[in-house]
Amino acid sequence: MNEFMFEDVTGRLRQAWGLTSETALADALGLASSAYFNRKKAGSLPHAEIARLAVQRGINLDWVLTGEGSMRQHKAGVPTKRTRPSFRT
């Protein structure tokens, strides 16, 4: 993964979580600032940490990684439209 993609993904994370700095993002991901910036230099995203926090905070992981779709994750089993139950037997 190149630095441009790293910047895109981390920018979306900061947007979703309302963080204003990369140091705050590093802290949210549970990384020391030096580890975060070393990963940034290498273009190596902390995938496990990103996935874990995205799920915990209700953020759509596809949106985080690609920028496509909605920012918020839809909860499983919750219909997006109101539907009427069928009582047919």
PDB file of N, CA and C in Angstrom:
ATOM      1  N   MET A   1       0.858  -1.165   0.000  1.00  0.00           N
ATOM      2  CA  MET A   1       0.000   0.000   0.000  1.00  0.00           C
ATOM      3  C   MET A   1       0.904   1.228   0.000  1.00  0.00           C
ATOM      4  N   ASN A   2       0.655   2.159  -0.882  1.00  0.00           N
ATOM      5  CA  ASN A   2       1.513   3.338  -0.947  1.00  0.00           C
ATOM      6  C   ASN A   2       1.043   4.429   0.018  1.00  0.00           C
ATOM      7  N   GLU A   3       1.857   5.466   0.168  1.00  0.00           N
ATOM      8  CA  GLU A   3       1.552   6.526   1.130  1.00  0.00           C
ATOM      9  C   GLU A   3       0.263   7.252   0.794  1.00  0.00           C
ATOM     10  N   PHE A   4      -0.052   7.406  -0.495  1.00  0.00           N
ATOM     11  CA  PHE A   4      -1.281   8.088  -0.882  1.00  0.00           C
ATOM     12  C   PHE A   4      -2.491   7.343  -0.339  1.00  0.00           C
ATOM     13  N   MET A   5      -2.492   6.033  -0.457  1.00  0.00           N
ATOM     14  CA  MET A   5      -3.600   5.247   0.062  1.00  0.00           C
ATOM     15  C   MET A   5      -3.615   5.301   1.587  1.00  0.00           C
ATOM     16  N   PHE A   6      -2.466   5.275   2.211  1.00  0.00           N
ATOM     17  CA  PHE A   6      -2.365   5.399   3.660  1.00  0.00           C
ATOM     18  C   PHE A   6      -3.026   6.695   4.102  1.00  0.00           C
ATOM     19  N   GLU A   7      -2.709   7.776   3.427  1.00  0.00           N
ATOM     20  CA  GLU A   7      -3.286   9.085   3.753  1.00  0.00           C
ATOM     21  C   GLU A   7      -4.790   9.089   3.565  1.00  0.00           C
ATOM     22  N   ASP A   8      -5.285   8.464   2.510  1.00  0.00           N
ATOM     23  CA  ASP A   8      -6.730   8.397   2.269  1.00  0.00           C
ATOM     24  C   ASP A   8      -7.444   7.668   3.398  1.00  0.00           C
ATOM     25  N   VAL A   9      -6.931   6.497   3.739  1.00  0.00           N
ATOM     26  CA  VAL A   9      -7.563   5.673   4.776  1.00  0.00           C
ATOM     27  C   VAL A   9      -7.495   6.370   6.129  1.00  0.00           C
ATOM     28  N   THR A  10      -6.334   6.864   6.494  1.00  0.00           N
ATOM     29  CA  THR A  10      -6.213   7.512   7.802  1.00  0.00           C
ATOM     30  C   THR A  10      -7.010   8.818   7.855  1.00  0.00           C
ATOM     31  N   GLY A  11      -7.131   9.485   6.736  1.00  0.00           N
ATOM     32  CA  GLY A  11      -7.965  10.689   6.680  1.00  0.00           C
ATOM     33  C   GLY A  11      -9.431  10.373   6.917  1.00  0.00           C
ATOM     34  N   ARG A  12      -9.912   9.272   6.322  1.00  0.00           N
ATOM     35  CA  ARG A  12     -11.301   8.865   6.556  1.00  0.00           C
ATOM     36  C   ARG A  12     -11.515   8.453   8.009  1.00  0.00           C
ATOM     37  N   LEU A  13     -10.546   7.768   8.594  1.00  0.00           N
ATOM     38  CA  LEU A  13     -10.656   7.394  10.007  1.00  0.00           C
ATOM     39  C   LEU A  13     -10.750   8.638  10.881  1.00  0.00           C
ATOM     40  N   ARG A  14      -9.888   9.594  10.633  1.00  0.00           N
ATOM     41  CA  ARG A  14      -9.914  10.829  11.421  1.00  0.00           C
ATOM     42  C   ARG A  14     -11.241  11.551  11.246  1.00  0.00           C
ATOM     43  N   GLN A  15     -11.767  11.563  10.030  1.00  0.00           N
ATOM     44  CA  GLN A  15     -13.064  12.192   9.776  1.00  0.00           C
ATOM     45  C   GLN A  15     -14.164  11.477  10.555  1.00  0.00           C
ATOM     46  N   ALA A  16     -14.202  10.173  10.466  1.00  0.00           N
ATOM     47  CA  ALA A  16     -15.255   9.386  11.111  1.00  0.00           C
ATOM     48  C   ALA A  16     -15.219   9.519  12.624  1.00  0.00           C
ATOM     49  N   TRP A  17     -14.039   9.600  13.193  1.00  0.00           N
ATOM     50  CA  TRP A  17     -13.889   9.623  14.641  1.00  0.00           C
ATOM     51  C   TRP A  17     -13.729  11.026  15.203  1.00  0.00           C
ATOM     52  N   GLY A  18     -13.761  12.038  14.321  1.00  0.00           N
ATOM     53  CA  GLY A  18     -13.664  13.419  14.768  1.00  0.00           C
ATOM     54  C   GLY A  18     -12.305  13.779  15.354  1.00  0.00           C
ATOM     55  N   LEU A  19     -11.261  13.178  14.820  1.00  0.00           N
ATOM     56  CA  LEU A  19      -9.905  13.432  15.307  1.00  0.00           C
ATOM     57  C   LEU A  19      -9.233  14.482  14.434  1.00  0.00           C
ATOM     58  N   THR A  20      -8.470  15.361  15.059  1.00  0.00           N
ATOM     59  CA  THR A  20      -7.859  16.452  14.298  1.00  0.00           C
ATOM     60  C   THR A  20      -6.384  16.253  14.014  1.00  0.00           C
ATOM     61  N   SER A  21      -5.784  15.205  14.589  1.00  0.00           N
ATOM     62  CA  SER A  21      -4.356  15.011  14.351  1.00  0.00           C
ATOM     63  C   SER A  21      -4.024  13.535  14.162  1.00  0.00           C
ATOM     64  N   GLU A  22      -2.888  13.307  13.536  1.00  0.00           N
ATOM     65  CA  GLU A  22      -2.428  11.936  13.361  1.00  0.00           C
ATOM     66  C   GLU A  22      -1.987  11.330  14.691  1.00  0.00           C
ATOM     67  N   THR A  23      -1.517  12.163  15.594  1.00  0.00           N
ATOM     68  CA  THR A  23      -1.136  11.674  16.919  1.00  0.00           C
ATOM     69  C   THR A  23      -2.362  11.152  17.670  1.00  0.00           C
ATOM     70  N   ALA A  24      -3.485  11.860  17.545  1.00  0.00           N
ATOM     71  CA  ALA A  24      -4.728  11.402  18.168  1.00  0.00           C
ATOM     72  C   ALA A  24      -5.196  10.093  17.537  1.00  0.00           C
ATOM     73  N   LEU A  25      -5.021   9.955  16.219  1.00  0.00           N
ATOM     74  CA  LEU A  25      -5.388   8.709  15.542  1.00  0.00           C
ATOM     75  C   LEU A  25      -4.495   7.570  16.014  1.00  0.00           C
ATOM     76  N   ALA A  26      -3.214   7.817  16.127  1.00  0.00           N
ATOM     77  CA  ALA A  26      -2.292   6.791  16.623  1.00  0.00           C
ATOM     78  C   ALA A  26      -2.736   6.309  17.992  1.00  0.00           C
ATOM     79  N   ASP A  27      -3.103   7.239  18.854  1.00  0.00           N
ATOM     80  CA  ASP A  27      -3.563   6.893  20.196  1.00  0.00           C
ATOM     81  C   ASP A  27      -4.848   6.066  20.132  1.00  0.00           C
ATOM     82  N   ALA A  28      -5.789   6.474  19.284  1.00  0.00           N
ATOM     83  CA  ALA A  28      -7.054   5.737  19.140  1.00  0.00           C
ATOM     84  C   ALA A  28      -6.813   4.320  18.651  1.00  0.00           C
ATOM     85  N   LEU A  29      -5.809   4.143  17.799  1.00  0.00           N
ATOM     86  CA  LEU A  29      -5.477   2.825  17.274  1.00  0.00           C
ATOM     87  C   LEU A  29      -4.643   1.995  18.253  1.00  0.00           C
ATOM     88  N   GLY A  30      -4.243   2.614  19.357  1.00  0.00           N
ATOM     89  CA  GLY A  30      -3.438   1.909  20.347  1.00  0.00           C
ATOM     90  C   GLY A  30      -1.978   1.790  19.956  1.00  0.00           C
ATOM     91  N   LEU A  31      -1.516   2.715  19.127  1.00  0.00           N
ATOM     92  CA  LEU A  31      -0.130   2.706  18.661  1.00  0.00           C
ATOM     93  C   LEU A  31       0.638   3.878  19.259  1.00  0.00           C
ATOM     94  N   ALA A  32       1.892   3.660  19.563  1.00  0.00           N
ATOM     95  CA  ALA A  32       2.763   4.770  19.921  1.00  0.00           C
ATOM     96  C   ALA A  32       2.914   5.661  18.692  1.00  0.00           C
ATOM     97  N   SER A  33       3.080   6.944  18.911  1.00  0.00           N
ATOM     98  CA  SER A  33       3.236   7.868  17.772  1.00  0.00           C
ATOM     99  C   SER A  33       4.367   7.434  16.857  1.00  0.00           C
ATOM    100  N   SER A  34       5.490   7.000  17.441  1.00  0.00           N
ATOM    101  CA  SER A  34       6.629   6.585  16.621  1.00  0.00           C
ATOM    102  C   SER A  34       6.274   5.372  15.763  1.00  0.00           C
ATOM    103  N   ALA A  35       5.523   4.428  16.311  1.00  0.00           N
ATOM    104  CA  ALA A  35       5.107   3.249  15.541  1.00  0.00           C
ATOM    105  C   ALA A  35       4.168   3.656  14.407  1.00  0.00           C
ATOM    106  N   TYR A  36       3.237   4.572  14.707  1.00  0.00           N
ATOM    107  CA  TYR A  36       2.310   5.055  13.678  1.00  0.00           C
ATOM    108  C   TYR A  36       3.083   5.712  12.532  1.00  0.00           C
ATOM    109  N   PHE A  37       4.002   6.614  12.875  1.00  0.00           N
ATOM    110  CA  PHE A  37       4.728   7.334  11.823  1.00  0.00           C
ATOM    111  C   PHE A  37       5.694   6.432  11.062  1.00  0.00           C
ATOM    112  N   ASN A  38       6.223   5.406  11.705  1.00  0.00           N
ATOM    113  CA  ASN A  38       7.020   4.410  10.979  1.00  0.00           C
ATOM    114  C   ASN A  38       6.142   3.652   9.983  1.00  0.00           C
ATOM    115  N   ARG A  39       4.938   3.297  10.404  1.00  0.00           N
ATOM    116  CA  ARG A  39       4.010   2.608   9.498  1.00  0.00           C
ATOM    117  C   ARG A  39       3.623   3.531   8.341  1.00  0.00           C
ATOM    118  N   LYS A  40       3.404   4.801   8.645  1.00  0.00           N
ATOM    119  CA  LYS A  40       3.059   5.770   7.598  1.00  0.00           C
ATOM    120  C   LYS A  40       4.177   5.847   6.569  1.00  0.00           C
ATOM    121  N   LYS A  41       5.405   5.943   7.042  1.00  0.00           N
ATOM    122  CA  LYS A  41       6.561   6.030   6.141  1.00  0.00           C
ATOM    123  C   LYS A  41       6.641   4.796   5.233  1.00  0.00           C
ATOM    124  N   ALA A  42       6.322   3.632   5.807  1.00  0.00           N
ATOM    125  CA  ALA A  42       6.362   2.372   5.047  1.00  0.00           C
ATOM    126  C   ALA A  42       5.083   2.139   4.244  1.00  0.00           C
ATOM    127  N   GLY A  43       4.039   2.956   4.505  1.00  0.00           N
ATOM    128  CA  GLY A  43       2.762   2.752   3.822  1.00  0.00           C
ATOM    129  C   GLY A  43       2.044   1.506   4.302  1.00  0.00           C
ATOM    130  N   SER A  44       2.277   1.131   5.551  1.00  0.00           N
ATOM    131  CA  SER A  44       1.732  -0.104   6.116  1.00  0.00           C
ATOM    132  C   SER A  44       0.633   0.203   7.124  1.00  0.00           C
ATOM    133  N   LEU A  45      -0.601   0.003   6.706  1.00  0.00           N
ATOM    134  CA  LEU A  45      -1.735   0.269   7.593  1.00  0.00           C
ATOM    135  C   LEU A  45      -1.856  -0.804   8.671  1.00  0.00           C
ATOM    136  N   PRO A  46      -2.253  -0.412   9.877  1.00  0.00           N
ATOM    137  CA  PRO A  46      -2.510  -1.390  10.943  1.00  0.00           C
ATOM    138  C   PRO A  46      -3.919  -1.983  10.761  1.00  0.00           C
ATOM    139  N   HIS A  47      -4.049  -2.917   9.834  1.00  0.00           N
ATOM    140  CA  HIS A  47      -5.356  -3.437   9.440  1.00  0.00           C
ATOM    141  C   HIS A  47      -6.177  -3.997  10.595  1.00  0.00           C
ATOM    142  N   ALA A  48      -5.560  -4.794  11.461  1.00  0.00           N
ATOM    143  CA  ALA A  48      -6.306  -5.411  12.562  1.00  0.00           C
ATOM    144  C   ALA A  48      -6.890  -4.348  13.484  1.00  0.00           C
ATOM    145  N   GLU A  49      -6.099  -3.342  13.813  1.00  0.00           N
ATOM    146  CA  GLU A  49      -6.566  -2.280  14.702  1.00  0.00           C
ATOM    147  C   GLU A  49      -7.677  -1.468  14.038  1.00  0.00           C
ATOM    148  N   ILE A  50      -7.527  -1.183  12.757  1.00  0.00           N
ATOM    149  CA  ILE A  50      -8.536  -0.421  12.023  1.00  0.00           C
ATOM    150  C   ILE A  50      -9.846  -1.197  11.987  1.00  0.00           C
ATOM    151  N   ALA A  51      -9.782  -2.478  11.661  1.00  0.00           N
ATOM    152  CA  ALA A  51     -10.992  -3.306  11.575  1.00  0.00           C
ATOM    153  C   ALA A  51     -11.684  -3.393  12.930  1.00  0.00           C
ATOM    154  N   ARG A  52     -10.918  -3.631  13.984  1.00  0.00           N
ATOM    155  CA  ARG A  52     -11.492  -3.762  15.327  1.00  0.00           C
ATOM    156  C   ARG A  52     -12.221  -2.485  15.743  1.00  0.00           C
ATOM    157  N   LEU A  53     -11.578  -1.341  15.556  1.00  0.00           N
ATOM    158  CA  LEU A  53     -12.193  -0.084  15.967  1.00  0.00           C
ATOM    159  C   LEU A  53     -13.357   0.311  15.073  1.00  0.00           C
ATOM    160  N   ALA A  54     -13.262   0.013  13.793  1.00  0.00           N
ATOM    161  CA  ALA A  54     -14.375   0.321  12.892  1.00  0.00           C
ATOM    162  C   ALA A  54     -15.622  -0.428  13.335  1.00  0.00           C
ATOM    163  N   VAL A  55     -15.480  -1.695  13.645  1.00  0.00           N
ATOM    164  CA  VAL A  55     -16.620  -2.496  14.100  1.00  0.00           C
ATOM    165  C   VAL A  55     -17.140  -1.958  15.428  1.00  0.00           C
ATOM    166  N   GLN A  56     -16.251  -1.697  16.366  1.00  0.00           N
ATOM    167  CA  GLN A  56     -16.662  -1.193  17.687  1.00  0.00           C
ATOM    168  C   GLN A  56     -17.392   0.139  17.594  1.00  0.00           C
ATOM    169  N   ARG A  57     -16.986   0.971  16.656  1.00  0.00           N
ATOM    170  CA  ARG A  57     -17.555   2.320  16.564  1.00  0.00           C
ATOM    171  C   ARG A  57     -18.621   2.456  15.481  1.00  0.00           C
ATOM    172  N   GLY A  58     -19.011   1.334  14.866  1.00  0.00           N
ATOM    173  CA  GLY A  58     -20.091   1.369  13.881  1.00  0.00           C
ATOM    174  C   GLY A  58     -19.733   2.031  12.568  1.00  0.00           C
ATOM    175  N   ILE A  59     -18.466   1.961  12.186  1.00  0.00           N
ATOM    176  CA  ILE A  59     -18.002   2.564  10.933  1.00  0.00           C
ATOM    177  C   ILE A  59     -17.891   1.467   9.873  1.00  0.00           C
ATOM    178  N   ASN A  60     -18.353   1.765   8.676  1.00  0.00           N
ATOM    179  CA  ASN A  60     -18.317   0.836   7.556  1.00  0.00           C
ATOM    180  C   ASN A  60     -16.867   0.644   7.096  1.00  0.00           C
ATOM    181  N   LEU A  61     -16.346  -0.547   7.270  1.00  0.00           N
ATOM    182  CA  LEU A  61     -14.951  -0.819   6.915  1.00  0.00           C
ATOM    183  C   LEU A  61     -14.699  -0.638   5.424  1.00  0.00           C
ATOM    184  N   ASP A  62     -15.665  -0.966   4.582  1.00  0.00           N
ATOM    185  CA  ASP A  62     -15.505  -0.735   3.137  1.00  0.00           C
ATOM    186  C   ASP A  62     -15.292   0.751   2.862  1.00  0.00           C
ATOM    187  N   TRP A  63     -16.056   1.599   3.544  1.00  0.00           N
ATOM    188  CA  TRP A  63     -15.901   3.043   3.360  1.00  0.00           C
ATOM    189  C   TRP A  63     -14.509   3.489   3.823  1.00  0.00           C
ATOM    190  N   VAL A  64     -14.067   2.971   4.954  1.00  0.00           N
ATOM    191  CA  VAL A  64     -12.744   3.345   5.471  1.00  0.00           C
ATOM    192  C   VAL A  64     -11.664   3.016   4.445  1.00  0.00           C
ATOM    193  N   LEU A  65     -11.722   1.815   3.887  1.00  0.00           N
ATOM    194  CA  LEU A  65     -10.655   1.350   2.996  1.00  0.00           C
ATOM    195  C   LEU A  65     -10.758   1.890   1.570  1.00  0.00           C
ATOM    196  N   THR A  66     -11.987   2.123   1.087  1.00  0.00           N
ATOM    197  CA  THR A  66     -12.147   2.517  -0.322  1.00  0.00           C
ATOM    198  C   THR A  66     -12.766   3.892  -0.532  1.00  0.00           C
ATOM    199  N   GLY A  67     -13.457   4.401   0.483  1.00  0.00           N
ATOM    200  CA  GLY A  67     -14.178   5.663   0.325  1.00  0.00           C
ATOM    201  C   GLY A  67     -15.535   5.481  -0.316  1.00  0.00           C
ATOM    202  N   GLU A  68     -15.926   4.250  -0.581  1.00  0.00           N
ATOM    203  CA  GLU A  68     -17.213   3.969  -1.231  1.00  0.00           C
ATOM    204  C   GLU A  68     -18.238   3.502  -0.213  1.00  0.00           C
ATOM    205  N   GLY A  69     -19.494   3.851  -0.466  1.00  0.00           N
ATOM    206  CA  GLY A  69     -20.572   3.469   0.440  1.00  0.00           C
ATOM    207  C   GLY A  69     -20.760   4.519   1.521  1.00  0.00           C
ATOM    208  N   SER A  70     -21.559   4.164   2.513  1.00  0.00           N
ATOM    209  CA  SER A  70     -21.828   5.107   3.592  1.00  0.00           C
ATOM    210  C   SER A  70     -20.788   4.964   4.695  1.00  0.00           C
ATOM    211  N   MET A  71     -20.592   6.043   5.431  1.00  0.00           N
ATOM    212  CA  MET A  71     -19.608   6.031   6.504  1.00  0.00           C
ATOM    213  C   MET A  71     -20.041   5.102   7.638  1.00  0.00           C
ATOM    214  N   ARG A  72     -21.297   5.135   7.980  1.00  0.00           N
ATOM    215  CA  ARG A  72     -21.797   4.344   9.109  1.00  0.00           C
ATOM    216  C   ARG A  72     -22.198   2.950   8.669  1.00  0.00           C
ATOM    217  N   GLN A  73     -21.909   1.989   9.522  1.00  0.00           N
ATOM    218  CA  GLN A  73     -22.268   0.589   9.281  1.00  0.00           C
ATOM    219  C   GLN A  73     -23.732   0.407   9.643  1.00  0.00           C
ATOM    220  N   HIS A  74     -24.481  -0.275   8.772  1.00  0.00           N
ATOM    221  CA  HIS A  74     -25.862  -0.612   9.076  1.00  0.00           C
ATOM    222  C   HIS A  74     -25.855  -1.835   9.968  1.00  0.00           C
ATOM    223  N   LYS A  75     -26.655  -1.820  10.993  1.00  0.00           N
ATOM    224  CA  LYS A  75     -26.704  -2.948  11.912  1.00  0.00           C
ATOM    225  C   LYS A  75     -27.386  -4.132  11.245  1.00  0.00           C
ATOM    226  N   ALA A  76     -26.830  -5.300  11.446  1.00  0.00           N
ATOM    227  CA  ALA A  76     -27.400  -6.522  10.884  1.00  0.00           C
ATOM    228  C   ALA A  76     -28.779  -6.758  11.475  1.00  0.00           C
ATOM    229  N   GLY A  77     -29.700  -7.141  10.616  1.00  0.00           N
ATOM    230  CA  GLY A  77     -31.041  -7.470  11.069  1.00  0.00           C
ATOM    231  C   GLY A  77     -31.960  -6.278  11.223  1.00  0.00           C
ATOM    232  N   VAL A  78     -31.445  -5.081  11.010  1.00  0.00           N
ATOM    233  CA  VAL A  78     -32.288  -3.899  11.103  1.00  0.00           C
ATOM    234  C   VAL A  78     -32.678  -3.492   9.695  1.00  0.00           C
ATOM    235  N   PRO A  79     -33.968  -3.582   9.353  1.00  0.00           N
ATOM    236  CA  PRO A  79     -34.386  -3.246   7.994  1.00  0.00           C
ATOM    237  C   PRO A  79     -34.196  -1.767   7.709  1.00  0.00           C
ATOM    238  N   THR A  80     -33.843  -1.459   6.480  1.00  0.00           N
ATOM    239  CA  THR A  80     -33.680  -0.064   6.103  1.00  0.00           C
ATOM    240  C   THR A  80     -35.021   0.550   5.726  1.00  0.00           C
ATOM    241  N   LYS A  81     -36.014  -0.277   5.358  1.00  0.00           N
ATOM    242  CA  LYS A  81     -37.356   0.196   5.045  1.00  0.00           C
ATOM    243  C   LYS A  81     -38.317  -0.420   6.042  1.00  0.00           C
ATOM    244  N   ARG A  82     -39.383   0.283   6.296  1.00  0.00           N
ATOM    245  CA  ARG A  82     -40.411  -0.278   7.157  1.00  0.00           C
ATOM    246  C   ARG A  82     -41.192  -1.300   6.336  1.00  0.00           C
ATOM    247  N   THR A  83     -41.314  -2.485   6.874  1.00  0.00           N
ATOM    248  CA  THR A  83     -42.035  -3.544   6.168  1.00  0.00           C
ATOM    249  C   THR A  83     -43.153  -4.058   7.055  1.00  0.00           C
ATOM    250  N   ARG A  84     -44.174  -4.584   6.427  1.00  0.00           N
ATOM    251  CA  ARG A  84     -45.285  -5.181   7.162  1.00  0.00           C
ATOM    252  C   ARG A  84     -45.069  -6.671   7.229  1.00  0.00           C
ATOM    253  N   PRO A  85     -45.329  -7.254   8.378  1.00  0.00           N
ATOM    254  CA  PRO A  85     -45.181  -8.712   8.467  1.00  0.00           C
ATOM    255  C   PRO A  85     -46.243  -9.410   7.637  1.00  0.00           C
ATOM    256  N   SER A  86     -45.886 -10.540   7.098  1.00  0.00           N
ATOM    257  CA  SER A  86     -46.810 -11.351   6.324  1.00  0.00           C
ATOM    258  C   SER A  86     -47.418 -12.388   7.243  1.00  0.00           C
ATOM    259  N   PHE A  87     -48.757 -12.459   7.252  1.00  0.00           N
ATOM    260  CA  PHE A  87     -49.433 -13.433   8.099  1.00  0.00           C
ATOM    261  C   PHE A  87     -49.982 -14.599   7.292  1.00  0.00           C
ATOM    262  N   ARG A  88     -49.516 -14.749   6.066  1.00  0.00           N
ATOM    263  CA  ARG A  88     -49.980 -15.859   5.243  1.00  0.00           C
ATOM    264  C   ARG A  88     -49.447 -17.166   5.788  1.00  0.00           C
ATOM    265  N   THR A  89     -50.269 -18.190   5.649  1.00  0.00           N
ATOM    266  CA  THR A  89     -49.844 -19.526   6.091  1.00  0.00           C
ATOM    267  C   THR A  89     -49.772 -20.489   4.944  1.00  0.00           C
TER     268      THR A  89
END
